[in-house]
């Protein structure tokens, strides 16, 4: 038996019962995560729209400032603010709904868990903003299309990292009964 198979098999499973990374439970969590993320996307569009309105009414449009070689646009700043707001929403809903079973199995330090979630979210934000920059600022696509592409890639990345690190029961403390 090679090492790869030994990781997937417990002593009581047959080769036909090997679990894959996306087993039934993880697929259910992924589905819930996607639903939470889609609601978050709707909120993201709302906050993006509102931030763009605020910046436009303040006379701040197009390139707001330059950092090194990067021209930071009103869309990039608005998207960063929207992501920060939606990250808090996503943490709360994923903790109480998506990863509810993991939360019942062990106790997590909420502060440490949120920090992990924020780190994962920050990596997703970097991916999202990078894709928004490439597709909107460099290529010139519609800002909402650019945000959608960033959303899809970052949701998949965030789910995998949150599932194996942030909400993984092996990083929690056993509940005292």
Protein backbone atom coordinates (compact mmCIF):
# COMPACT_ATOMS: atom_id res chain seq x y z
CA UNK A 1 0.00 0.00 0.00
CA UNK A 2 1.53 3.35 -0.98
CA UNK A 3 1.59 6.34 1.30
CA UNK A 4 -1.09 8.20 -0.68
CA UNK A 5 -3.61 5.40 -0.17
CA UNK A 6 -2.74 5.01 3.50
CA UNK A 7 -3.71 8.62 4.10
CA UNK A 8 -7.15 8.13 2.55
CA UNK A 9 -7.97 4.81 4.16
CA UNK A 10 -8.76 4.09 7.77
CA UNK A 11 -8.03 0.58 9.08
CA UNK A 12 -11.70 -0.38 8.67
CA UNK A 13 -12.25 0.76 5.07
CA UNK A 14 -11.93 -1.19 1.89
CA UNK A 15 -10.32 0.29 -1.21
CA UNK A 16 -13.77 0.93 -2.68
CA UNK A 17 -14.68 3.03 0.38
CA UNK A 18 -11.69 5.39 0.10
CA UNK A 19 -12.70 8.98 0.66
CA UNK A 20 -11.67 11.73 -1.67
CA UNK A 21 -10.96 15.29 -0.62
CA UNK A 22 -14.46 16.31 -1.72
CA UNK A 23 -16.44 13.67 0.16
CA UNK A 24 -20.18 13.97 0.88
CA UNK A 25 -19.74 16.09 4.03
CA UNK A 26 -17.22 18.44 2.45
CA UNK A 27 -19.45 18.82 -0.63
CA UNK A 28 -22.31 19.84 1.67
CA UNK A 29 -20.04 22.38 3.39
CA UNK A 30 -18.89 23.63 -0.01
CA UNK A 31 -22.52 24.07 -1.08
CA UNK A 32 -23.31 26.03 2.07
CA UNK A 33 -20.10 28.06 1.69
CA UNK A 34 -21.06 28.93 -1.88
CA UNK A 35 -24.56 30.00 -0.77
CA UNK A 36 -23.11 32.21 1.97
CA UNK A 37 -20.60 33.56 -0.54
CA UNK A 38 -23.30 34.30 -3.14
CA UNK A 39 -25.26 36.31 -0.59
CA UNK A 40 -21.95 37.95 0.28
CA UNK A 41 -21.41 38.69 -3.41
CA UNK A 42 -24.78 40.44 -3.53
CA UNK A 43 -23.77 42.47 -0.49
CA UNK A 44 -20.38 43.07 -2.11
CA UNK A 45 -22.03 44.51 -5.22
CA UNK A 46 -24.26 46.68 -3.03
CA UNK A 47 -21.31 48.06 -1.03
CA UNK A 48 -19.22 48.44 -4.20
CA UNK A 49 -22.04 50.44 -5.78
CA UNK A 50 -22.51 52.58 -2.66
CA UNK A 51 -18.77 53.25 -2.31
CA UNK A 52 -18.54 54.22 -5.97
CA UNK A 53 -21.46 56.63 -5.45
CA UNK A 54 -19.78 58.12 -2.38
CA UNK A 55 -16.46 58.57 -4.17
CA UNK A 56 -18.19 60.01 -7.24
CA UNK A 57 -20.20 62.49 -5.16
CA UNK A 58 -16.93 63.52 -3.45
CA UNK A 59 -15.39 64.10 -6.89
CA UNK A 60 -12.98 61.19 -6.51
CA UNK A 61 -13.11 59.05 -9.63
CA UNK A 62 -10.66 57.19 -11.84
CA UNK A 63 -7.12 57.07 -10.39
CA UNK A 64 -7.16 58.13 -6.74
CA UNK A 65 -3.46 57.67 -6.04
CA UNK A 66 -0.40 55.73 -7.16
CA UNK A 67 1.56 53.23 -5.08
CA UNK A 68 4.85 52.43 -6.76
CA UNK A 69 3.77 51.55 -10.30
CA UNK A 70 0.15 50.73 -9.38
CA UNK A 71 -2.56 53.27 -10.15
CA UNK A 72 -5.20 52.77 -7.48
CA UNK A 73 -8.64 53.45 -8.91
CA UNK A 74 -11.93 54.25 -7.27
CA UNK A 75 -13.11 50.75 -8.19
CA UNK A 76 -10.14 49.13 -6.44
CA UNK A 77 -10.66 51.16 -3.25
CA UNK A 78 -14.43 50.54 -3.31
CA UNK A 79 -13.91 46.80 -3.77
CA UNK A 80 -11.44 46.68 -0.86
CA UNK A 81 -13.98 48.36 1.46
CA UNK A 82 -16.77 46.05 0.26
CA UNK A 83 -14.62 42.97 0.87
CA UNK A 84 -13.81 44.06 4.44
CA UNK A 85 -17.50 44.48 5.31
CA UNK A 86 -18.54 41.23 3.68
CA UNK A 87 -15.71 39.30 5.38
CA UNK A 88 -17.31 39.91 8.79
CA UNK A 89 -20.70 38.75 7.50
CA UNK A 90 -19.12 35.63 5.94
CA UNK A 91 -17.31 34.68 9.14
CA UNK A 92 -20.41 34.87 11.30
CA UNK A 93 -22.70 32.96 8.92
CA UNK A 94 -20.10 30.30 8.05
CA UNK A 95 -19.34 29.75 11.74
CA UNK A 96 -22.99 29.23 12.71
CA UNK A 97 -24.21 27.45 9.58
CA UNK A 98 -21.59 26.07 7.18
CA UNK A 99 -19.19 24.72 9.80
CA UNK A 100 -21.80 24.12 12.52
CA UNK A 101 -20.84 20.44 12.91
CA UNK A 102 -17.18 21.28 13.45
CA UNK A 103 -18.21 23.91 15.98
CA UNK A 104 -20.15 21.25 17.94
CA UNK A 105 -17.27 18.73 17.88
CA UNK A 106 -14.67 20.96 19.51
CA UNK A 107 -14.29 24.38 21.06
CA UNK A 108 -12.52 27.04 19.06
CA UNK A 109 -11.00 30.22 20.37
CA UNK A 110 -13.23 32.66 18.47
CA UNK A 111 -10.60 35.40 18.33
CA UNK A 112 -7.91 33.06 16.96
CA UNK A 113 -10.42 31.51 14.58
CA UNK A 114 -11.45 34.92 13.24
CA UNK A 115 -7.78 35.83 12.77
CA UNK A 116 -7.31 32.62 10.74
CA UNK A 117 -10.48 33.43 8.78
CA UNK A 118 -9.17 36.96 8.18
CA UNK A 119 -5.79 35.64 7.00
CA UNK A 120 -7.55 33.28 4.60
CA UNK A 121 -9.86 36.12 3.59
CA UNK A 122 -6.88 38.40 3.06
CA UNK A 123 -5.32 35.87 0.71
CA UNK A 124 -8.64 35.70 -1.13
CA UNK A 125 -8.75 39.50 -1.15
CA UNK A 126 -5.30 39.69 -2.69
CA UNK A 127 -6.39 37.21 -5.35
CA UNK A 128 -9.67 39.06 -5.87
CA UNK A 129 -8.10 42.53 -6.05
CA UNK A 130 -5.31 41.26 -8.28
CA UNK A 131 -7.84 39.85 -10.70
CA UNK A 132 -9.95 43.03 -10.54
CA UNK A 133 -6.81 45.05 -11.30
CA UNK A 134 -5.83 42.83 -14.22
CA UNK A 135 -9.28 42.53 -15.78
CA UNK A 136 -10.58 46.04 -15.07
CA UNK A 137 -7.56 48.34 -14.94
CA UNK A 138 -5.22 46.57 -17.36
CA UNK A 139 -7.56 44.86 -19.82
CA UNK A 140 -10.48 47.28 -19.50
CA UNK A 141 -13.32 44.86 -18.86
CA UNK A 142 -16.48 45.87 -17.01
CA UNK A 143 -15.87 46.30 -13.27
CA UNK A 144 -18.65 43.89 -12.30
CA UNK A 145 -17.29 41.18 -14.59
CA UNK A 146 -13.83 41.69 -13.12
CA UNK A 147 -15.24 41.45 -9.58
CA UNK A 148 -17.16 38.28 -10.50
CA UNK A 149 -14.05 36.55 -11.81
CA UNK A 150 -12.18 37.55 -8.65
CA UNK A 151 -15.08 36.27 -6.57
CA UNK A 152 -15.19 32.80 -8.13
CA UNK A 153 -11.47 32.18 -7.79
CA UNK A 154 -11.27 33.56 -4.25
CA UNK A 155 -14.34 31.60 -3.01
CA UNK A 156 -12.82 28.28 -4.05
CA UNK A 157 -9.48 29.19 -2.51
CA UNK A 158 -11.10 30.45 0.69
CA UNK A 159 -13.31 27.38 1.11
CA UNK A 160 -10.41 24.95 0.85
CA UNK A 161 -8.22 26.94 3.26
CA UNK A 162 -11.02 27.52 5.78
CA UNK A 163 -12.09 23.89 5.65
CA UNK A 164 -8.62 22.48 6.27
CA UNK A 165 -7.33 25.16 8.64
CA UNK A 166 -9.79 27.66 10.16
CA UNK A 167 -12.68 25.33 11.02
CA UNK A 168 -10.80 22.02 11.16
CA UNK A 169 -11.68 20.22 14.43
CA UNK A 170 -8.07 19.10 14.90
CA UNK A 171 -7.21 22.75 15.65
CA UNK A 172 -9.88 23.06 18.32
CA UNK A 173 -9.98 22.06 21.96
CA UNK A 174 -11.98 18.99 22.97
CA UNK A 175 -15.22 19.90 24.69
CA UNK A 176 -15.50 19.02 28.34
CA UNK A 177 -18.71 17.17 29.11
